[in-house]
N, C-alpha and C. Protein backbone atom coordinates (compact mmCIF):
# COMPACT_ATOMS: atom_id res chain seq x y z
N MET A 1 2.42 3.49 27.53
CA MET A 1 3.75 3.68 26.99
C MET A 1 3.67 3.73 25.46
N ILE A 2 4.41 4.62 24.87
CA ILE A 2 4.42 4.78 23.42
C ILE A 2 5.25 3.67 22.78
N ASP A 3 4.69 3.05 21.75
CA ASP A 3 5.40 2.01 21.01
C ASP A 3 6.09 2.68 19.81
N HIS A 4 7.37 2.92 19.95
CA HIS A 4 8.10 3.66 18.92
C HIS A 4 8.20 2.90 17.60
N ALA A 5 8.26 1.59 17.64
CA ALA A 5 8.31 0.80 16.40
C ALA A 5 7.04 1.02 15.59
N HIS A 6 5.88 1.03 16.28
CA HIS A 6 4.62 1.27 15.59
C HIS A 6 4.60 2.68 14.99
N LEU A 7 5.09 3.65 15.74
CA LEU A 7 5.13 5.02 15.22
C LEU A 7 6.04 5.13 14.00
N ARG A 8 7.16 4.43 14.03
CA ARG A 8 8.08 4.48 12.89
C ARG A 8 7.43 3.88 11.64
N LEU A 9 6.69 2.80 11.82
CA LEU A 9 5.98 2.22 10.68
C LEU A 9 4.85 3.14 10.24
N PHE A 10 4.15 3.72 11.20
CA PHE A 10 3.01 4.59 10.87
C PHE A 10 3.46 5.83 10.11
N GLN A 11 4.71 6.22 10.26
CA GLN A 11 5.23 7.35 9.49
C GLN A 11 5.02 7.12 7.99
N PHE A 12 5.11 5.88 7.55
CA PHE A 12 4.94 5.55 6.14
C PHE A 12 3.48 5.61 5.70
N CYS A 13 2.56 5.80 6.65
CA CYS A 13 1.14 5.94 6.34
C CYS A 13 0.74 7.39 6.13
N ASP A 14 1.62 8.31 6.43
CA ASP A 14 1.35 9.73 6.33
C ASP A 14 1.16 10.11 4.86
N SER A 15 0.09 10.83 4.56
CA SER A 15 -0.17 11.22 3.17
C SER A 15 0.91 12.15 2.64
N GLN A 16 1.69 12.77 3.51
CA GLN A 16 2.78 13.64 3.08
C GLN A 16 4.08 12.87 2.83
N PHE A 17 4.09 11.58 3.17
CA PHE A 17 5.29 10.78 2.95
C PHE A 17 5.46 10.59 1.44
N PRO A 18 6.62 10.91 0.89
CA PRO A 18 6.78 10.99 -0.56
C PRO A 18 6.92 9.64 -1.29
N THR A 19 5.87 8.83 -1.24
CA THR A 19 5.88 7.58 -2.01
C THR A 19 5.17 7.74 -3.34
N GLY A 20 4.44 8.84 -3.51
CA GLY A 20 3.68 9.05 -4.73
C GLY A 20 2.25 8.55 -4.65
N ALA A 21 1.82 8.07 -3.49
CA ALA A 21 0.46 7.54 -3.35
C ALA A 21 -0.59 8.60 -3.67
N PHE A 22 -0.26 9.86 -3.42
CA PHE A 22 -1.21 10.95 -3.66
C PHE A 22 -1.52 11.14 -5.14
N SER A 23 -0.70 10.62 -6.02
CA SER A 23 -0.90 10.86 -7.45
C SER A 23 -1.39 9.64 -8.22
N HIS A 24 -1.66 8.54 -7.53
CA HIS A 24 -2.14 7.34 -8.21
C HIS A 24 -3.55 7.01 -7.74
N SER A 25 -4.46 6.85 -8.71
CA SER A 25 -5.87 6.64 -8.36
C SER A 25 -6.27 5.17 -8.38
N PHE A 26 -5.44 4.30 -8.96
CA PHE A 26 -5.72 2.86 -9.03
C PHE A 26 -7.12 2.57 -9.59
N GLY A 27 -7.45 3.27 -10.67
CA GLY A 27 -8.71 3.03 -11.35
C GLY A 27 -9.83 3.97 -10.96
N LEU A 28 -9.69 4.67 -9.86
CA LEU A 28 -10.74 5.58 -9.40
C LEU A 28 -11.05 6.65 -10.44
N GLU A 29 -10.01 7.18 -11.08
CA GLU A 29 -10.21 8.24 -12.08
C GLU A 29 -11.16 7.81 -13.19
N THR A 30 -11.02 6.58 -13.64
CA THR A 30 -11.90 6.06 -14.69
C THR A 30 -13.34 6.04 -14.23
N TYR A 31 -13.58 5.60 -13.01
CA TYR A 31 -14.94 5.56 -12.47
C TYR A 31 -15.52 6.96 -12.31
N ILE A 32 -14.68 7.92 -11.99
CA ILE A 32 -15.13 9.31 -11.88
C ILE A 32 -15.47 9.85 -13.27
N GLN A 33 -14.61 9.58 -14.26
CA GLN A 33 -14.85 10.05 -15.62
C GLN A 33 -16.13 9.47 -16.21
N ARG A 34 -16.44 8.23 -15.84
CA ARG A 34 -17.66 7.58 -16.33
C ARG A 34 -18.88 7.90 -15.47
N ASP A 35 -18.70 8.77 -14.48
CA ASP A 35 -19.76 9.22 -13.57
C ASP A 35 -20.35 8.08 -12.74
N ILE A 36 -19.59 7.03 -12.55
CA ILE A 36 -20.00 5.93 -11.66
C ILE A 36 -19.72 6.35 -10.22
N VAL A 37 -18.58 7.00 -10.03
CA VAL A 37 -18.24 7.58 -8.73
C VAL A 37 -18.35 9.09 -8.89
N HIS A 38 -19.27 9.69 -8.13
CA HIS A 38 -19.54 11.12 -8.31
C HIS A 38 -19.87 11.85 -7.02
N ASP A 39 -19.97 11.13 -5.91
CA ASP A 39 -20.29 11.77 -4.64
C ASP A 39 -19.77 10.90 -3.49
N GLU A 40 -20.04 11.33 -2.27
CA GLU A 40 -19.54 10.63 -1.09
C GLU A 40 -20.00 9.18 -1.06
N GLN A 41 -21.27 8.94 -1.30
CA GLN A 41 -21.81 7.58 -1.21
C GLN A 41 -21.22 6.67 -2.29
N SER A 42 -21.17 7.14 -3.52
CA SER A 42 -20.65 6.28 -4.60
C SER A 42 -19.16 6.03 -4.42
N PHE A 43 -18.42 7.03 -3.91
CA PHE A 43 -17.00 6.79 -3.64
C PHE A 43 -16.83 5.76 -2.54
N GLN A 44 -17.61 5.87 -1.47
CA GLN A 44 -17.47 4.92 -0.37
C GLN A 44 -17.79 3.50 -0.84
N GLN A 45 -18.79 3.35 -1.71
CA GLN A 45 -19.11 2.03 -2.25
C GLN A 45 -17.93 1.49 -3.06
N TRP A 46 -17.33 2.35 -3.89
CA TRP A 46 -16.16 1.94 -4.68
C TRP A 46 -15.01 1.55 -3.76
N LEU A 47 -14.78 2.36 -2.73
CA LEU A 47 -13.67 2.11 -1.81
C LEU A 47 -13.86 0.80 -1.05
N ILE A 48 -15.08 0.51 -0.63
CA ILE A 48 -15.36 -0.76 0.06
C ILE A 48 -15.04 -1.93 -0.86
N LEU A 49 -15.46 -1.85 -2.11
CA LEU A 49 -15.16 -2.92 -3.07
C LEU A 49 -13.66 -3.05 -3.29
N PHE A 50 -12.97 -1.93 -3.48
CA PHE A 50 -11.53 -1.96 -3.70
C PHE A 50 -10.81 -2.57 -2.49
N LEU A 51 -11.23 -2.18 -1.31
CA LEU A 51 -10.63 -2.71 -0.08
C LEU A 51 -10.89 -4.20 0.06
N ASN A 52 -12.14 -4.60 -0.14
CA ASN A 52 -12.53 -6.00 0.07
C ASN A 52 -12.09 -6.94 -1.04
N GLU A 53 -12.04 -6.46 -2.27
CA GLU A 53 -11.72 -7.33 -3.40
C GLU A 53 -10.24 -7.28 -3.80
N GLN A 54 -9.64 -6.11 -3.76
CA GLN A 54 -8.25 -5.96 -4.22
C GLN A 54 -7.27 -5.98 -3.05
N LEU A 55 -7.41 -5.03 -2.17
CA LEU A 55 -6.40 -4.87 -1.12
C LEU A 55 -6.35 -6.03 -0.14
N THR A 56 -7.49 -6.50 0.30
CA THR A 56 -7.50 -7.55 1.32
C THR A 56 -7.00 -8.87 0.76
N TYR A 57 -7.51 -9.27 -0.40
CA TYR A 57 -7.19 -10.61 -0.92
C TYR A 57 -5.97 -10.66 -1.81
N ALA A 58 -5.48 -9.54 -2.27
CA ALA A 58 -4.23 -9.54 -3.04
C ALA A 58 -3.10 -9.04 -2.15
N ASP A 59 -3.12 -7.77 -1.82
CA ASP A 59 -2.04 -7.19 -1.03
C ASP A 59 -1.98 -7.77 0.38
N GLY A 60 -3.11 -7.80 1.07
CA GLY A 60 -3.14 -8.27 2.46
C GLY A 60 -2.68 -9.71 2.60
N LEU A 61 -3.19 -10.58 1.75
CA LEU A 61 -2.79 -11.99 1.79
C LEU A 61 -1.30 -12.14 1.46
N THR A 62 -0.86 -11.41 0.45
CA THR A 62 0.56 -11.46 0.08
C THR A 62 1.44 -10.98 1.23
N MET A 63 1.00 -9.96 1.94
CA MET A 63 1.78 -9.45 3.07
C MET A 63 1.98 -10.54 4.13
N ARG A 64 0.93 -11.29 4.39
CA ARG A 64 1.02 -12.38 5.36
C ARG A 64 2.02 -13.44 4.87
N LEU A 65 1.96 -13.77 3.57
CA LEU A 65 2.87 -14.76 3.00
C LEU A 65 4.32 -14.25 2.99
N VAL A 66 4.50 -12.97 2.69
CA VAL A 66 5.84 -12.38 2.70
C VAL A 66 6.41 -12.39 4.12
N TYR A 67 5.59 -12.05 5.09
CA TYR A 67 6.04 -12.06 6.49
C TYR A 67 6.53 -13.46 6.87
N ASN A 68 5.75 -14.47 6.49
CA ASN A 68 6.17 -15.85 6.76
C ASN A 68 7.47 -16.19 6.04
N ALA A 69 7.60 -15.73 4.79
CA ALA A 69 8.83 -15.98 4.03
C ALA A 69 10.03 -15.28 4.68
N LEU A 70 9.82 -14.09 5.20
CA LEU A 70 10.89 -13.38 5.91
C LEU A 70 11.32 -14.17 7.15
N GLU A 71 10.34 -14.70 7.86
CA GLU A 71 10.63 -15.49 9.06
C GLU A 71 11.43 -16.75 8.72
N GLN A 72 11.20 -17.28 7.50
CA GLN A 72 11.86 -18.53 7.08
C GLN A 72 13.07 -18.28 6.17
N ASP A 73 13.43 -17.01 5.98
CA ASP A 73 14.54 -16.66 5.08
C ASP A 73 14.35 -17.22 3.67
N ASP A 74 13.13 -17.13 3.17
CA ASP A 74 12.80 -17.70 1.86
C ASP A 74 12.72 -16.60 0.80
N ALA A 75 13.86 -16.21 0.28
CA ALA A 75 13.94 -15.14 -0.70
C ALA A 75 13.20 -15.48 -1.99
N GLN A 76 13.25 -16.74 -2.41
CA GLN A 76 12.58 -17.13 -3.66
C GLN A 76 11.07 -16.96 -3.56
N ALA A 77 10.51 -17.25 -2.40
CA ALA A 77 9.07 -17.05 -2.21
C ALA A 77 8.71 -15.58 -2.34
N ILE A 78 9.55 -14.71 -1.83
CA ILE A 78 9.30 -13.27 -1.92
C ILE A 78 9.35 -12.81 -3.37
N LEU A 79 10.32 -13.28 -4.13
CA LEU A 79 10.41 -12.91 -5.55
C LEU A 79 9.19 -13.41 -6.33
N ARG A 80 8.75 -14.61 -6.01
CA ARG A 80 7.56 -15.16 -6.68
C ARG A 80 6.33 -14.31 -6.36
N LEU A 81 6.17 -13.92 -5.11
CA LEU A 81 5.04 -13.09 -4.70
C LEU A 81 5.11 -11.70 -5.32
N ASP A 82 6.31 -11.17 -5.47
CA ASP A 82 6.51 -9.88 -6.12
C ASP A 82 5.99 -9.93 -7.56
N ARG A 83 6.35 -10.99 -8.28
CA ARG A 83 5.89 -11.15 -9.67
C ARG A 83 4.38 -11.32 -9.74
N ILE A 84 3.84 -12.14 -8.85
CA ILE A 84 2.39 -12.38 -8.85
C ILE A 84 1.63 -11.08 -8.61
N LEU A 85 2.05 -10.30 -7.62
CA LEU A 85 1.36 -9.04 -7.35
C LEU A 85 1.41 -8.11 -8.55
N PHE A 86 2.53 -8.08 -9.24
CA PHE A 86 2.67 -7.19 -10.39
C PHE A 86 1.76 -7.61 -11.54
N VAL A 87 1.77 -8.87 -11.90
CA VAL A 87 0.99 -9.30 -13.08
C VAL A 87 -0.51 -9.37 -12.81
N GLN A 88 -0.93 -9.51 -11.55
CA GLN A 88 -2.36 -9.59 -11.29
C GLN A 88 -3.04 -8.24 -11.44
N ASN A 89 -2.27 -7.16 -11.47
CA ASN A 89 -2.82 -5.83 -11.75
C ASN A 89 -2.89 -5.66 -13.26
N LEU A 90 -4.06 -5.87 -13.83
CA LEU A 90 -4.17 -5.84 -15.29
C LEU A 90 -3.99 -4.46 -15.90
N PRO A 91 -4.62 -3.41 -15.36
CA PRO A 91 -4.43 -2.10 -16.00
C PRO A 91 -2.99 -1.61 -15.88
N LYS A 92 -2.45 -1.13 -16.99
CA LYS A 92 -1.07 -0.66 -17.01
C LYS A 92 -0.86 0.46 -15.99
N GLU A 93 -1.84 1.36 -15.85
CA GLU A 93 -1.74 2.47 -14.91
C GLU A 93 -1.53 1.96 -13.48
N THR A 94 -2.25 0.92 -13.12
CA THR A 94 -2.15 0.36 -11.77
C THR A 94 -0.79 -0.31 -11.57
N ARG A 95 -0.33 -1.04 -12.57
CA ARG A 95 0.99 -1.68 -12.46
C ARG A 95 2.09 -0.64 -12.31
N GLN A 96 2.03 0.40 -13.15
CA GLN A 96 3.05 1.45 -13.10
C GLN A 96 2.99 2.21 -11.78
N GLY A 97 1.79 2.49 -11.30
CA GLY A 97 1.64 3.19 -10.02
C GLY A 97 2.23 2.39 -8.88
N SER A 98 1.93 1.11 -8.83
CA SER A 98 2.48 0.24 -7.78
C SER A 98 4.00 0.17 -7.87
N LYS A 99 4.50 0.06 -9.09
CA LYS A 99 5.95 -0.03 -9.29
C LYS A 99 6.65 1.24 -8.80
N GLN A 100 6.11 2.40 -9.17
CA GLN A 100 6.71 3.67 -8.75
C GLN A 100 6.64 3.85 -7.23
N MET A 101 5.49 3.52 -6.65
CA MET A 101 5.35 3.64 -5.20
C MET A 101 6.28 2.68 -4.47
N GLY A 102 6.37 1.45 -4.95
CA GLY A 102 7.26 0.48 -4.33
C GLY A 102 8.71 0.92 -4.40
N ASN A 103 9.10 1.45 -5.55
CA ASN A 103 10.47 1.92 -5.74
C ASN A 103 10.79 3.05 -4.76
N ARG A 104 9.89 4.01 -4.66
CA ARG A 104 10.11 5.14 -3.74
C ARG A 104 10.13 4.66 -2.29
N MET A 105 9.20 3.76 -1.96
CA MET A 105 9.11 3.28 -0.59
C MET A 105 10.38 2.53 -0.18
N VAL A 106 10.88 1.67 -1.06
CA VAL A 106 12.10 0.92 -0.75
C VAL A 106 13.28 1.88 -0.58
N LYS A 107 13.40 2.86 -1.47
CA LYS A 107 14.51 3.81 -1.36
C LYS A 107 14.44 4.59 -0.05
N LEU A 108 13.26 5.08 0.30
CA LEU A 108 13.11 5.85 1.53
C LEU A 108 13.33 4.98 2.77
N ALA A 109 12.77 3.79 2.75
CA ALA A 109 12.93 2.89 3.90
C ALA A 109 14.39 2.50 4.07
N SER A 110 15.08 2.25 2.96
CA SER A 110 16.50 1.89 3.03
C SER A 110 17.35 3.05 3.52
N GLU A 111 16.93 4.25 3.19
CA GLU A 111 17.66 5.43 3.65
C GLU A 111 17.48 5.65 5.16
N LEU A 112 16.30 5.31 5.66
CA LEU A 112 16.00 5.54 7.07
C LEU A 112 16.40 4.38 7.97
N TYR A 113 16.43 3.16 7.42
CA TYR A 113 16.66 1.97 8.23
C TYR A 113 17.73 1.08 7.60
N ASP A 114 18.52 0.46 8.43
CA ASP A 114 19.55 -0.46 7.99
C ASP A 114 18.97 -1.87 8.01
N SER A 115 18.29 -2.22 6.92
CA SER A 115 17.61 -3.51 6.84
C SER A 115 18.20 -4.34 5.70
N ASP A 116 18.70 -5.51 6.03
CA ASP A 116 19.25 -6.40 5.00
C ASP A 116 18.20 -6.76 3.97
N TRP A 117 16.97 -7.03 4.42
CA TRP A 117 15.91 -7.43 3.49
C TRP A 117 15.55 -6.29 2.54
N LEU A 118 15.42 -5.07 3.04
CA LEU A 118 15.10 -3.94 2.16
C LEU A 118 16.23 -3.71 1.15
N ASP A 119 17.48 -3.81 1.62
CA ASP A 119 18.62 -3.66 0.70
C ASP A 119 18.62 -4.77 -0.35
N TRP A 120 18.32 -5.99 0.08
CA TRP A 120 18.25 -7.13 -0.84
C TRP A 120 17.15 -6.91 -1.88
N TYR A 121 15.98 -6.46 -1.43
CA TYR A 121 14.84 -6.24 -2.34
C TYR A 121 15.19 -5.19 -3.39
N HIS A 122 15.83 -4.12 -2.96
CA HIS A 122 16.24 -3.07 -3.90
C HIS A 122 17.27 -3.62 -4.89
N ALA A 123 18.21 -4.41 -4.41
CA ALA A 123 19.21 -5.02 -5.30
C ALA A 123 18.56 -5.95 -6.32
N GLN A 124 17.50 -6.66 -5.92
CA GLN A 124 16.79 -7.55 -6.84
C GLN A 124 16.15 -6.74 -7.97
N MET A 125 15.66 -5.55 -7.65
CA MET A 125 15.09 -4.69 -8.68
C MET A 125 16.18 -4.22 -9.64
N LEU A 126 17.32 -3.84 -9.10
CA LEU A 126 18.43 -3.40 -9.96
C LEU A 126 18.90 -4.52 -10.88
N ASP A 127 18.80 -5.77 -10.41
CA ASP A 127 19.15 -6.94 -11.22
C ASP A 127 17.99 -7.41 -12.09
N LYS A 128 16.89 -6.65 -12.08
CA LYS A 128 15.67 -6.95 -12.85
C LYS A 128 15.03 -8.27 -12.45
N LYS A 129 15.14 -8.62 -11.18
CA LYS A 129 14.52 -9.84 -10.66
C LYS A 129 13.29 -9.53 -9.82
N ALA A 130 13.07 -8.26 -9.50
CA ALA A 130 11.91 -7.85 -8.70
C ALA A 130 11.37 -6.54 -9.23
N ILE A 131 10.09 -6.31 -8.98
CA ILE A 131 9.41 -5.09 -9.41
C ILE A 131 9.40 -4.04 -8.30
N LEU A 132 9.31 -4.45 -7.05
CA LEU A 132 9.20 -3.62 -5.85
C LEU A 132 7.75 -3.18 -5.63
N HIS A 133 6.98 -4.03 -5.05
CA HIS A 133 5.58 -3.71 -4.73
C HIS A 133 5.52 -3.09 -3.34
N PRO A 134 4.72 -2.02 -3.17
CA PRO A 134 4.65 -1.35 -1.87
C PRO A 134 4.19 -2.26 -0.73
N ALA A 135 3.33 -3.22 -1.00
CA ALA A 135 2.86 -4.12 0.06
C ALA A 135 4.02 -4.97 0.59
N ILE A 136 4.91 -5.38 -0.29
CA ILE A 136 6.06 -6.19 0.13
C ILE A 136 7.06 -5.32 0.89
N CYS A 137 7.33 -4.14 0.38
CA CYS A 137 8.24 -3.23 1.07
C CYS A 137 7.71 -2.89 2.46
N PHE A 138 6.43 -2.57 2.56
CA PHE A 138 5.82 -2.21 3.85
C PHE A 138 5.94 -3.36 4.83
N THR A 139 5.75 -4.58 4.33
CA THR A 139 5.88 -5.77 5.19
C THR A 139 7.33 -5.94 5.65
N MET A 140 8.27 -5.75 4.73
CA MET A 140 9.69 -5.86 5.11
C MET A 140 10.05 -4.83 6.17
N LEU A 141 9.56 -3.62 6.00
CA LEU A 141 9.84 -2.57 6.97
C LEU A 141 9.23 -2.92 8.33
N GLY A 142 7.96 -3.34 8.33
CA GLY A 142 7.31 -3.72 9.58
C GLY A 142 8.03 -4.87 10.26
N HIS A 143 8.45 -5.85 9.49
CA HIS A 143 9.19 -7.00 10.02
C HIS A 143 10.51 -6.52 10.63
N HIS A 144 11.20 -5.63 9.92
CA HIS A 144 12.46 -5.08 10.42
C HIS A 144 12.25 -4.36 11.75
N LEU A 145 11.13 -3.65 11.88
CA LEU A 145 10.82 -2.90 13.10
C LEU A 145 10.23 -3.79 14.20
N GLU A 146 10.06 -5.08 13.87
CA GLU A 146 9.51 -6.08 14.80
C GLU A 146 8.06 -5.77 15.19
N VAL A 147 7.30 -5.32 14.21
CA VAL A 147 5.87 -5.09 14.38
C VAL A 147 5.15 -6.36 13.94
N ASP A 148 4.09 -6.73 14.64
CA ASP A 148 3.35 -7.95 14.30
C ASP A 148 2.63 -7.78 12.96
N ILE A 149 2.37 -8.89 12.29
CA ILE A 149 1.79 -8.87 10.95
C ILE A 149 0.40 -8.26 10.92
N GLU A 150 -0.40 -8.48 11.94
CA GLU A 150 -1.75 -7.90 11.96
C GLU A 150 -1.69 -6.37 11.92
N THR A 151 -0.80 -5.80 12.71
CA THR A 151 -0.65 -4.35 12.73
C THR A 151 -0.09 -3.84 11.41
N ILE A 152 0.87 -4.56 10.85
CA ILE A 152 1.43 -4.16 9.55
C ILE A 152 0.32 -4.09 8.50
N ILE A 153 -0.51 -5.11 8.43
CA ILE A 153 -1.60 -5.13 7.45
C ILE A 153 -2.59 -4.01 7.74
N ASP A 154 -2.97 -3.84 9.00
CA ASP A 154 -3.91 -2.76 9.36
C ASP A 154 -3.38 -1.40 8.92
N TYR A 155 -2.12 -1.13 9.19
CA TYR A 155 -1.53 0.16 8.82
C TYR A 155 -1.49 0.33 7.30
N TYR A 156 -1.15 -0.73 6.60
CA TYR A 156 -1.08 -0.66 5.14
C TYR A 156 -2.47 -0.38 4.54
N LEU A 157 -3.47 -1.09 5.04
CA LEU A 157 -4.83 -0.86 4.54
C LEU A 157 -5.29 0.55 4.87
N TYR A 158 -4.99 1.01 6.08
CA TYR A 158 -5.35 2.38 6.46
C TYR A 158 -4.68 3.38 5.53
N GLN A 159 -3.40 3.19 5.26
CA GLN A 159 -2.67 4.11 4.39
C GLN A 159 -3.32 4.18 3.01
N ASN A 160 -3.74 3.05 2.49
CA ASN A 160 -4.39 3.03 1.18
C ASN A 160 -5.75 3.72 1.22
N VAL A 161 -6.54 3.42 2.23
CA VAL A 161 -7.85 4.06 2.38
C VAL A 161 -7.68 5.57 2.49
N SER A 162 -6.74 6.00 3.30
CA SER A 162 -6.51 7.42 3.51
C SER A 162 -6.06 8.12 2.22
N SER A 163 -5.09 7.55 1.51
CA SER A 163 -4.59 8.22 0.31
C SER A 163 -5.62 8.21 -0.82
N LEU A 164 -6.35 7.11 -0.98
CA LEU A 164 -7.40 7.08 -2.01
C LEU A 164 -8.51 8.07 -1.68
N THR A 165 -8.81 8.22 -0.40
CA THR A 165 -9.84 9.19 0.00
C THR A 165 -9.36 10.61 -0.29
N GLN A 166 -8.10 10.90 -0.02
CA GLN A 166 -7.58 12.23 -0.34
C GLN A 166 -7.61 12.48 -1.85
N ASN A 167 -7.34 11.44 -2.64
CA ASN A 167 -7.45 11.58 -4.10
C ASN A 167 -8.89 11.88 -4.50
N ALA A 168 -9.85 11.21 -3.86
CA ALA A 168 -11.26 11.44 -4.16
C ALA A 168 -11.70 12.84 -3.74
N VAL A 169 -11.20 13.31 -2.61
CA VAL A 169 -11.52 14.66 -2.14
C VAL A 169 -11.14 15.68 -3.21
N ARG A 170 -10.02 15.49 -3.85
CA ARG A 170 -9.57 16.42 -4.90
C ARG A 170 -10.28 16.17 -6.23
N ALA A 171 -10.49 14.92 -6.60
CA ALA A 171 -10.96 14.60 -7.95
C ALA A 171 -12.47 14.70 -8.13
N ILE A 172 -13.27 14.38 -7.13
CA ILE A 172 -14.73 14.32 -7.34
C ILE A 172 -15.34 15.72 -7.46
N PRO A 173 -15.14 16.68 -6.72
CA PRO A 173 -14.47 16.79 -5.43
C PRO A 173 -15.44 16.53 -4.27
N LEU A 174 -14.85 16.11 -3.16
CA LEU A 174 -15.56 15.97 -1.89
C LEU A 174 -14.96 16.99 -0.93
N GLY A 175 -15.68 17.34 0.08
CA GLY A 175 -15.10 18.20 1.11
C GLY A 175 -14.18 17.40 2.02
N GLN A 176 -13.30 18.10 2.72
CA GLN A 176 -12.40 17.43 3.66
C GLN A 176 -13.17 16.70 4.75
N THR A 177 -14.27 17.29 5.21
CA THR A 177 -15.08 16.64 6.26
C THR A 177 -15.68 15.34 5.74
N ALA A 178 -16.17 15.36 4.51
CA ALA A 178 -16.72 14.13 3.91
C ALA A 178 -15.63 13.07 3.80
N GLY A 179 -14.43 13.49 3.42
CA GLY A 179 -13.32 12.55 3.33
C GLY A 179 -13.00 11.91 4.67
N GLN A 180 -12.95 12.72 5.70
CA GLN A 180 -12.67 12.18 7.04
C GLN A 180 -13.81 11.29 7.53
N ARG A 181 -15.03 11.62 7.16
CA ARG A 181 -16.18 10.78 7.53
C ARG A 181 -16.04 9.40 6.88
N ILE A 182 -15.63 9.38 5.63
CA ILE A 182 -15.44 8.11 4.92
C ILE A 182 -14.34 7.29 5.58
N VAL A 183 -13.20 7.91 5.85
CA VAL A 183 -12.10 7.19 6.50
C VAL A 183 -12.58 6.62 7.84
N HIS A 184 -13.30 7.44 8.60
CA HIS A 184 -13.82 6.99 9.90
C HIS A 184 -14.75 5.78 9.74
N GLN A 185 -15.62 5.83 8.74
CA GLN A 185 -16.57 4.73 8.53
C GLN A 185 -15.90 3.47 8.00
N MET A 186 -14.73 3.61 7.40
CA MET A 186 -14.03 2.44 6.88
C MET A 186 -13.30 1.66 7.98
N ILE A 187 -13.11 2.28 9.13
CA ILE A 187 -12.43 1.62 10.24
C ILE A 187 -13.46 0.80 11.01
N PRO A 188 -13.28 -0.53 11.09
CA PRO A 188 -14.25 -1.37 11.79
C PRO A 188 -14.39 -0.98 13.26
N SER A 189 -15.60 -1.14 13.76
CA SER A 189 -15.86 -0.81 15.18
C SER A 189 -15.24 -1.82 16.10
């Protein structure tokens, strides 16, 4: 049987979904310019580090904490986590990219779904109390759709791996087949 809630969340993982993920490299461009990342192997090494060091322990952990805060109706915890995620991204480019993606994601999710938490998060940004990080928005959407936290995190990590790989395919450049090979190898057996 098809799980429609999972499909609705997975829609946000589509590289064609207009969050702006396709235009943000999160530091990859610098590594390409310095010729540290220049082929399939060096990109995959960079991607593994980014996934294991940044996404898993910053975004992934925060997503779990946000999910718990949503379950406990703890808005202050969510605002605190929003600020922490924003300031821990030291490069201005990364902070701005996350902010733009979060803003677009919240607007799109709010347009598609009637979620009190997504509406609240957007209102907090308008009141300058929140930045709108995509990991938090994605978690709120998954929670609204009643998707379990493990799946929410898996989909979010997949979406990041996929969009960064598409950026690498264009920027290095890599072939589409090499890009798909990398995405395939990033998925645990």
